[in-house]
Amino acid sequence: MKNIILASTSTVYGGEYLDYILPTLKEHFTEVSEIIFIPYARPDGISLDAYTEKASQVFKTIGINIIGLHTFENKSKAIQEAQGIFTGGGNTFLLLKTLYELNLIPTLKQTVESGTPYLGTSAGSNLGGINIKNTNDMPIVYPPSFEALGVVPFNINPHYLDPIPGLKHNGETRETRIKEYLHQNTVPVVGLREGSWLEVKNETIYLRGSFSARIFESLENIYELETNSLIQF
C-alpha cells in the first residue's frame, strides 16, 4: 500500500523549513525512528552533508533521525531497508541524473510502491510523477531519461503560480507553459500551489493544504480542484 506525501515546497513564504507541514509529517512517519534522506537535488549547490544536516535538525524535533543516502556504500540496500524516505527539493534534473547514475530508480520505485512512507518536496515531488517534464528547473545537467518514479499517474508542477494582475512582465505564465506541454504530451498535470500537498494512500490521492490546485487534464479540460478533494483522472 503506497503511503506518500508530495509537497509543493519545503518552505512557505515567511516560514521555516518544513514547519507548515510538520504536524502532518509526524503522523505520516508514525512509528518511524529513522529516515533515509535523498539529498541529490542540492539546492543552491549546497553540499550533501550540509543539506542532510538541514533536514536532520527539523526531524529531530519530532524524534526522528535522518541519515543521508550518500553516506551508504550499498545505497540500494539502504533504500530497501529504510523505515521511511525523504527526497528534498532543489534541481530536478540533477536529482534524476544522479539517481539514474546510481541505478536507484527501480529500487526506489519498488520500495515506495511496497508501502515504505515517502515524502517528496519540490524536486522530490516531481520525482513522484510519470516524468519530470513539468519541473520549473533549468536543465543544468542531462539525465539519460525524463521518466521518473511514476508512483502517481500524472505529473506535478510544484510552486504553481497564477498570473499577477498588473505585473509588468511579458514572459509566459505557468499556465501557458503547461499548455505548451499539452500540445506535445498527454500525461495530465497537477499545478500544486505553495502550502499544498498530495496525500497518497495506495491508489487514493487527496489534495491537502491551504489552497486549491490547478488541474490540467488536457487542453480542453483545465479546472480548479478545491483542497481536501479526491484527485481522479
C-alpha atoms as a PDB file:
ATOM      1  CA  MET A   1       0.000   0.000   0.000  1.00  0.00           C
ATOM      2  CA  LYS A   2       1.510   3.304  -1.089  1.00  0.00           C
ATOM      3  CA  ASN A   3       1.932   5.846   1.700  1.00  0.00           C
ATOM      4  CA  ILE A   4       3.177   9.066   0.112  1.00  0.00           C
ATOM      5  CA  ILE A   5       3.220  12.818   0.628  1.00  0.00           C
ATOM      6  CA  LEU A   6       4.235  15.017  -2.311  1.00  0.00           C
ATOM      7  CA  ALA A   7       4.509  18.650  -1.238  1.00  0.00           C
ATOM      8  CA  SER A   8       4.831  21.708  -3.454  1.00  0.00           C
ATOM      9  CA  THR A   9       7.586  23.189  -1.318  1.00  0.00           C
ATOM     10  CA  SER A  10       9.674  22.691   1.776  1.00  0.00           C
ATOM     11  CA  THR A  11       9.283  26.286   2.938  1.00  0.00           C
ATOM     12  CA  VAL A  12       6.282  28.554   2.541  1.00  0.00           C
ATOM     13  CA  TYR A  13       6.799  32.312   2.340  1.00  0.00           C
ATOM     14  CA  GLY A  14       7.680  33.718   5.766  1.00  0.00           C
ATOM     15  CA  GLY A  15       8.047  30.277   7.323  1.00  0.00           C
ATOM     16  CA  GLU A  16      10.851  27.962   8.347  1.00  0.00           C
ATOM     17  CA  TYR A  17      11.962  24.736   6.705  1.00  0.00           C
ATOM     18  CA  LEU A  18       9.052  22.216   6.735  1.00  0.00           C
ATOM     19  CA  ASP A  19       7.257  23.989   9.599  1.00  0.00           C
ATOM     20  CA  TYR A  20       3.931  24.324   7.756  1.00  0.00           C
ATOM     21  CA  ILE A  21       3.670  20.570   7.201  1.00  0.00           C
ATOM     22  CA  LEU A  22       5.457  19.229  10.277  1.00  0.00           C
ATOM     23  CA  PRO A  23       2.294  18.082  12.130  1.00  0.00           C
ATOM     24  CA  THR A  24       1.318  16.067   9.059  1.00  0.00           C
ATOM     25  CA  LEU A  25       4.808  14.581   8.797  1.00  0.00           C
ATOM     26  CA  LYS A  26       4.712  13.487  12.418  1.00  0.00           C
ATOM     27  CA  GLU A  27       1.582  11.499  11.644  1.00  0.00           C
ATOM     28  CA  HIS A  28       2.870  10.312   8.257  1.00  0.00           C
ATOM     29  CA  PHE A  29       6.023   8.883   9.778  1.00  0.00           C
ATOM     30  CA  THR A  30       4.391   7.480  12.898  1.00  0.00           C
ATOM     31  CA  GLU A  31       6.399   4.632  14.445  1.00  0.00           C
ATOM     32  CA  VAL A  32       9.345   5.607  12.231  1.00  0.00           C
ATOM     33  CA  SER A  33      12.526   6.383  14.149  1.00  0.00           C
ATOM     34  CA  GLU A  34      14.894   6.808  11.190  1.00  0.00           C
ATOM     35  CA  ILE A  35      14.516   8.220   7.676  1.00  0.00           C
ATOM     36  CA  ILE A  36      16.827   7.903   4.693  1.00  0.00           C
ATOM     37  CA  PHE A  37      17.265  11.370   3.171  1.00  0.00           C
ATOM     38  CA  ILE A  38      17.996  11.706  -0.556  1.00  0.00           C
ATOM     39  CA  PRO A  39      19.928  14.997  -0.902  1.00  0.00           C
ATOM     40  CA  TYR A  40      20.999  14.840  -4.554  1.00  0.00           C
ATOM     41  CA  ALA A  41      18.911  17.791  -5.793  1.00  0.00           C
ATOM     42  CA  ARG A  42      21.338  20.063  -3.862  1.00  0.00           C
ATOM     43  CA  PRO A  43      19.520  23.448  -3.802  1.00  0.00           C
ATOM     44  CA  ASP A  44      21.907  26.357  -4.424  1.00  0.00           C
ATOM     45  CA  GLY A  45      24.684  23.772  -4.844  1.00  0.00           C
ATOM     46  CA  ILE A  46      24.696  23.019  -1.113  1.00  0.00           C
ATOM     47  CA  SER A  47      26.875  20.077  -0.077  1.00  0.00           C
ATOM     48  CA  LEU A  48      25.234  16.708   0.513  1.00  0.00           C
ATOM     49  CA  ASP A  49      26.296  16.751   4.166  1.00  0.00           C
ATOM     50  CA  ALA A  50      25.012  20.282   4.774  1.00  0.00           C
ATOM     51  CA  TYR A  51      21.666  19.512   3.134  1.00  0.00           C
ATOM     52  CA  THR A  52      21.269  16.358   5.205  1.00  0.00           C
ATOM     53  CA  GLU A  53      22.038  18.297   8.368  1.00  0.00           C
ATOM     54  CA  LYS A  54      19.372  20.877   7.490  1.00  0.00           C
ATOM     55  CA  ALA A  55      16.740  18.158   7.240  1.00  0.00           C
ATOM     56  CA  SER A  56      18.085  16.441  10.341  1.00  0.00           C
ATOM     57  CA  GLN A  57      17.637  19.497  12.548  1.00  0.00           C
ATOM     58  CA  VAL A  58      13.923  19.636  11.730  1.00  0.00           C
ATOM     59  CA  PHE A  59      13.169  15.942  12.109  1.00  0.00           C
ATOM     60  CA  LYS A  60      14.944  15.850  15.464  1.00  0.00           C
ATOM     61  CA  THR A  61      12.106  17.994  16.807  1.00  0.00           C
ATOM     62  CA  ILE A  62       9.677  15.124  16.184  1.00  0.00           C
ATOM     63  CA  GLY A  63      12.048  12.430  17.404  1.00  0.00           C
ATOM     64  CA  ILE A  64      13.207  11.076  14.041  1.00  0.00           C
ATOM     65  CA  ASN A  65      16.814  10.532  12.992  1.00  0.00           C
ATOM     66  CA  ILE A  66      17.925  11.442   9.444  1.00  0.00           C
ATOM     67  CA  ILE A  67      20.701   9.646   7.574  1.00  0.00           C
ATOM     68  CA  GLY A  68      21.870  10.817   4.149  1.00  0.00           C
ATOM     69  CA  LEU A  69      21.710   8.193   1.412  1.00  0.00           C
ATOM     70  CA  HIS A  70      25.093   9.368   0.134  1.00  0.00           C
ATOM     71  CA  THR A  71      26.782   8.021   3.274  1.00  0.00           C
ATOM     72  CA  PHE A  72      25.892   4.386   2.497  1.00  0.00           C
ATOM     73  CA  GLU A  73      28.201   2.172   0.463  1.00  0.00           C
ATOM     74  CA  ASN A  74      25.270  -0.021  -0.598  1.00  0.00           C
ATOM     75  CA  LYS A  75      22.649   2.591  -1.417  1.00  0.00           C
ATOM     76  CA  SER A  76      20.166   0.176  -2.928  1.00  0.00           C
ATOM     77  CA  LYS A  77      20.121  -1.891   0.261  1.00  0.00           C
ATOM     78  CA  ALA A  78      19.734   1.270   2.356  1.00  0.00           C
ATOM     79  CA  ILE A  79      16.603   2.195   0.382  1.00  0.00           C
ATOM     80  CA  GLN A  80      15.161  -1.305   0.577  1.00  0.00           C
ATOM     81  CA  GLU A  81      15.628  -1.449   4.352  1.00  0.00           C
ATOM     82  CA  ALA A  82      14.545   2.143   5.069  1.00  0.00           C
ATOM     83  CA  GLN A  83      11.800   2.813   7.608  1.00  0.00           C
ATOM     84  CA  GLY A  84      10.963   5.984   5.704  1.00  0.00           C
ATOM     85  CA  ILE A  85      12.346   8.036   2.796  1.00  0.00           C
ATOM     86  CA  PHE A  86      12.523  11.787   2.182  1.00  0.00           C
ATOM     87  CA  THR A  87      13.678  13.318  -1.105  1.00  0.00           C
ATOM     88  CA  GLY A  88      14.410  17.018  -0.750  1.00  0.00           C
ATOM     89  CA  GLY A  89      13.973  19.822  -3.257  1.00  0.00           C
ATOM     90  CA  GLY A  90      16.478  21.550  -5.470  1.00  0.00           C
ATOM     91  CA  ASN A  91      17.236  20.879  -9.124  1.00  0.00           C
ATOM     92  CA  THR A  92      15.121  18.061 -10.539  1.00  0.00           C
ATOM     93  CA  PHE A  93      17.451  17.372 -13.465  1.00  0.00           C
ATOM     94  CA  LEU A  94      20.405  16.897 -11.143  1.00  0.00           C
ATOM     95  CA  LEU A  95      18.365  14.713  -8.800  1.00  0.00           C
ATOM     96  CA  LEU A  96      17.125  12.422 -11.559  1.00  0.00           C
ATOM     97  CA  LYS A  97      20.521  12.202 -13.286  1.00  0.00           C
ATOM     98  CA  THR A  98      22.196  11.161 -10.043  1.00  0.00           C
ATOM     99  CA  LEU A  99      19.593   8.518  -9.261  1.00  0.00           C
ATOM    100  CA  TYR A 100      19.958   7.063 -12.764  1.00  0.00           C
ATOM    101  CA  GLU A 101      23.742   7.044 -12.468  1.00  0.00           C
ATOM    102  CA  LEU A 102      23.457   5.146  -9.188  1.00  0.00           C
ATOM    103  CA  ASN A 103      20.881   2.774 -10.736  1.00  0.00           C
ATOM    104  CA  LEU A 104      18.437   3.543  -7.919  1.00  0.00           C
ATOM    105  CA  ILE A 105      15.242   4.373  -9.817  1.00  0.00           C
ATOM    106  CA  PRO A 106      13.886   0.777  -9.950  1.00  0.00           C
ATOM    107  CA  THR A 107      14.730   0.122  -6.298  1.00  0.00           C
ATOM    108  CA  LEU A 108      13.238   3.393  -5.098  1.00  0.00           C
ATOM    109  CA  LYS A 109      10.049   2.874  -7.126  1.00  0.00           C
ATOM    110  CA  GLN A 110       9.585  -0.658  -5.831  1.00  0.00           C
ATOM    111  CA  THR A 111      10.244   0.374  -2.225  1.00  0.00           C
ATOM    112  CA  VAL A 112       7.803   3.285  -2.317  1.00  0.00           C
ATOM    113  CA  GLU A 113       5.114   1.215  -4.022  1.00  0.00           C
ATOM    114  CA  SER A 114       5.529  -1.513  -1.395  1.00  0.00           C
ATOM    115  CA  GLY A 115       4.404   0.904   1.322  1.00  0.00           C
ATOM    116  CA  THR A 116       7.521   2.489   2.817  1.00  0.00           C
ATOM    117  CA  PRO A 117       6.440   6.030   3.872  1.00  0.00           C
ATOM    118  CA  TYR A 118       7.768   8.552   1.363  1.00  0.00           C
ATOM    119  CA  LEU A 119       8.000  12.334   1.460  1.00  0.00           C
ATOM    120  CA  GLY A 120       8.938  14.479  -1.507  1.00  0.00           C
ATOM    121  CA  THR A 121       9.211  18.249  -1.582  1.00  0.00           C
ATOM    122  CA  SER A 122       9.530  20.267  -4.793  1.00  0.00           C
ATOM    123  CA  ALA A 123      12.056  18.269  -6.890  1.00  0.00           C
ATOM    124  CA  GLY A 124      11.326  15.270  -4.694  1.00  0.00           C
ATOM    125  CA  SER A 125       7.667  15.651  -5.650  1.00  0.00           C
ATOM    126  CA  ASN A 126       8.475  15.980  -9.348  1.00  0.00           C
ATOM    127  CA  LEU A 127      10.245  12.651  -8.954  1.00  0.00           C
ATOM    128  CA  GLY A 128       6.945  11.003  -7.995  1.00  0.00           C
ATOM    129  CA  GLY A 129       5.282  11.806 -11.314  1.00  0.00           C
ATOM    130  CA  ILE A 130       5.341   9.939 -14.622  1.00  0.00           C
ATOM    131  CA  ASN A 131       8.163  12.181 -15.844  1.00  0.00           C
ATOM    132  CA  ILE A 132       9.849  15.477 -14.943  1.00  0.00           C
ATOM    133  CA  LYS A 133       8.733  17.473 -17.994  1.00  0.00           C
ATOM    134  CA  ASN A 134       6.780  19.910 -15.803  1.00  0.00           C
ATOM    135  CA  THR A 135       9.579  20.928 -13.466  1.00  0.00           C
ATOM    136  CA  ASN A 136      10.369  24.646 -13.237  1.00  0.00           C
ATOM    137  CA  ASP A 137      14.114  23.983 -13.023  1.00  0.00           C
ATOM    138  CA  MET A 138      16.806  24.795 -15.550  1.00  0.00           C
ATOM    139  CA  PRO A 139      18.337  21.723 -17.242  1.00  0.00           C
ATOM    140  CA  ILE A 140      21.796  22.248 -15.760  1.00  0.00           C
ATOM    141  CA  VAL A 141      22.618  18.571 -16.384  1.00  0.00           C
ATOM    142  CA  TYR A 142      21.149  15.974 -18.722  1.00  0.00           C
ATOM    143  CA  PRO A 143      19.636  12.804 -17.234  1.00  0.00           C
ATOM    144  CA  PRO A 144      19.513   9.743 -19.511  1.00  0.00           C
ATOM    145  CA  SER A 145      15.709   9.859 -19.384  1.00  0.00           C
ATOM    146  CA  PHE A 146      12.972  12.213 -18.201  1.00  0.00           C
ATOM    147  CA  GLU A 147      10.994   9.244 -16.880  1.00  0.00           C
ATOM    148  CA  ALA A 148      10.578   9.367 -13.099  1.00  0.00           C
ATOM    149  CA  LEU A 149       9.130   7.030 -10.465  1.00  0.00           C
ATOM    150  CA  GLY A 150       5.544   7.096 -11.694  1.00  0.00           C
ATOM    151  CA  VAL A 151       4.081   6.439  -8.246  1.00  0.00           C
ATOM    152  CA  VAL A 152       1.210   8.787  -9.159  1.00  0.00           C
ATOM    153  CA  PRO A 153      -0.480   8.666 -12.609  1.00  0.00           C
ATOM    154  CA  PHE A 154       0.253  12.279 -13.586  1.00  0.00           C
ATOM    155  CA  ASN A 155       2.932  14.953 -13.464  1.00  0.00           C
ATOM    156  CA  ILE A 156       3.324  17.666 -10.849  1.00  0.00           C
ATOM    157  CA  ASN A 157       4.175  21.319 -11.290  1.00  0.00           C
ATOM    158  CA  PRO A 158       5.337  22.419  -7.819  1.00  0.00           C
ATOM    159  CA  HIS A 159       5.311  26.099  -6.847  1.00  0.00           C
ATOM    160  CA  TYR A 160       2.467  26.702  -9.289  1.00  0.00           C
ATOM    161  CA  LEU A 161       1.988  30.455  -9.834  1.00  0.00           C
ATOM    162  CA  ASP A 162      -1.102  32.298 -11.009  1.00  0.00           C
ATOM    163  CA  PRO A 163      -0.781  35.361 -13.250  1.00  0.00           C
ATOM    164  CA  ILE A 164      -0.298  38.551 -11.232  1.00  0.00           C
ATOM    165  CA  PRO A 165      -2.586  41.369 -12.470  1.00  0.00           C
ATOM    166  CA  GLY A 166      -0.648  44.487 -13.401  1.00  0.00           C
ATOM    167  CA  LEU A 167       2.756  42.786 -13.347  1.00  0.00           C
ATOM    168  CA  LYS A 168       4.974  44.380 -15.999  1.00  0.00           C
ATOM    169  CA  HIS A 169       6.375  41.137 -17.305  1.00  0.00           C
ATOM    170  CA  ASN A 170       5.869  39.849 -20.844  1.00  0.00           C
ATOM    171  CA  GLY A 171       7.111  36.322 -20.228  1.00  0.00           C
ATOM    172  CA  GLU A 172       4.872  33.285 -20.396  1.00  0.00           C
ATOM    173  CA  THR A 173       2.690  32.377 -17.440  1.00  0.00           C
ATOM    174  CA  ARG A 174       2.943  28.974 -15.796  1.00  0.00           C
ATOM    175  CA  GLU A 175      -0.380  28.023 -17.369  1.00  0.00           C
ATOM    176  CA  THR A 176       0.927  28.952 -20.809  1.00  0.00           C
ATOM    177  CA  ARG A 177       3.974  26.740 -20.332  1.00  0.00           C
ATOM    178  CA  ILE A 178       1.847  23.773 -19.269  1.00  0.00           C
ATOM    179  CA  LYS A 179      -0.445  24.302 -22.259  1.00  0.00           C
ATOM    180  CA  GLU A 180       2.631  24.167 -24.486  1.00  0.00           C
ATOM    181  CA  TYR A 181       3.453  20.852 -22.852  1.00  0.00           C
ATOM    182  CA  LEU A 182      -0.071  19.532 -23.508  1.00  0.00           C
ATOM    183  CA  HIS A 183       0.291  20.244 -27.225  1.00  0.00           C
ATOM    184  CA  GLN A 184       3.016  17.578 -27.275  1.00  0.00           C
ATOM    185  CA  ASN A 185       2.095  15.263 -24.375  1.00  0.00           C
ATOM    186  CA  THR A 186      -0.954  13.536 -22.915  1.00  0.00           C
ATOM    187  CA  VAL A 187       0.079  12.981 -19.262  1.00  0.00           C
ATOM    188  CA  PRO A 188      -2.101  15.215 -17.001  1.00  0.00           C
ATOM    189  CA  VAL A 189      -0.509  17.835 -14.737  1.00  0.00           C
ATOM    190  CA  VAL A 190      -1.376  18.968 -11.218  1.00  0.00           C
ATOM    191  CA  GLY A 191      -0.368  22.579 -10.593  1.00  0.00           C
ATOM    192  CA  LEU A 192       0.440  22.485  -6.888  1.00  0.00           C
ATOM    193  CA  ARG A 193       0.483  25.850  -5.126  1.00  0.00           C
ATOM    194  CA  GLU A 194       2.735  26.756  -2.194  1.00  0.00           C
ATOM    195  CA  GLY A 195       1.388  25.374   1.075  1.00  0.00           C
ATOM    196  CA  SER A 196      -0.366  22.414  -0.543  1.00  0.00           C
ATOM    197  CA  TRP A 197       0.499  18.752  -0.893  1.00  0.00           C
ATOM    198  CA  LEU A 198      -0.790  15.448  -2.217  1.00  0.00           C
ATOM    199  CA  GLU A 199      -1.641  12.634   0.174  1.00  0.00           C
ATOM    200  CA  VAL A 200      -1.416   9.206  -1.455  1.00  0.00           C
ATOM    201  CA  LYS A 201      -2.838   6.127   0.235  1.00  0.00           C
ATOM    202  CA  ASN A 202      -2.490   3.206  -2.140  1.00  0.00           C
ATOM    203  CA  GLU A 203      -4.365   4.383  -5.271  1.00  0.00           C
ATOM    204  CA  THR A 204      -6.382   7.076  -3.466  1.00  0.00           C
ATOM    205  CA  ILE A 205      -4.995  10.609  -3.824  1.00  0.00           C
ATOM    206  CA  TYR A 206      -6.235  13.693  -1.982  1.00  0.00           C
ATOM    207  CA  LEU A 207      -5.236  17.332  -2.280  1.00  0.00           C
ATOM    208  CA  ARG A 208      -4.348  18.719   1.145  1.00  0.00           C
ATOM    209  CA  GLY A 209      -3.178  22.055   2.488  1.00  0.00           C
ATOM    210  CA  SER A 210      -4.217  25.671   2.223  1.00  0.00           C
ATOM    211  CA  PHE A 211      -5.055  26.140  -1.447  1.00  0.00           C
ATOM    212  CA  SER A 212      -6.822  24.711  -4.450  1.00  0.00           C
ATOM    213  CA  ALA A 213      -4.810  23.134  -7.244  1.00  0.00           C
ATOM    214  CA  ARG A 214      -4.876  23.855 -10.990  1.00  0.00           C
ATOM    215  CA  ILE A 215      -5.643  20.662 -12.880  1.00  0.00           C
ATOM    216  CA  PHE A 216      -4.607  20.195 -16.499  1.00  0.00           C
ATOM    217  CA  GLU A 217      -6.179  17.009 -17.853  1.00  0.00           C
ATOM    218  CA  SER A 218      -5.921  18.209 -21.439  1.00  0.00           C
ATOM    219  CA  LEU A 219      -6.032  21.448 -23.411  1.00  0.00           C
ATOM    220  CA  GLU A 220      -9.834  21.191 -23.365  1.00  0.00           C
ATOM    221  CA  ASN A 221     -10.129  20.345 -19.669  1.00  0.00           C
ATOM    222  CA  ILE A 222      -8.399  22.744 -17.250  1.00  0.00           C
ATOM    223  CA  TYR A 223     -10.009  23.487 -13.900  1.00  0.00           C
ATOM    224  CA  GLU A 224      -9.584  24.262 -10.201  1.00  0.00           C
ATOM    225  CA  LEU A 225      -9.739  21.498  -7.585  1.00  0.00           C
ATOM    226  CA  GLU A 226     -10.535  22.542  -4.034  1.00  0.00           C
ATOM    227  CA  THR A 227      -8.386  21.403  -1.126  1.00  0.00           C
ATOM    228  CA  ASN A 228      -9.349  18.092   0.527  1.00  0.00           C
ATOM    229  CA  SER A 229     -10.766  16.883  -2.784  1.00  0.00           C
ATOM    230  CA  LEU A 230     -10.102  13.488  -4.309  1.00  0.00           C
ATOM    231  CA  ILE A 231      -7.907  13.606  -7.417  1.00  0.00           C
ATOM    232  CA  GLN A 232      -9.215  11.394 -10.190  1.00  0.00           C
ATOM    233  CA  PHE A 233      -8.473  11.237 -13.904  1.00  0.00           C
END
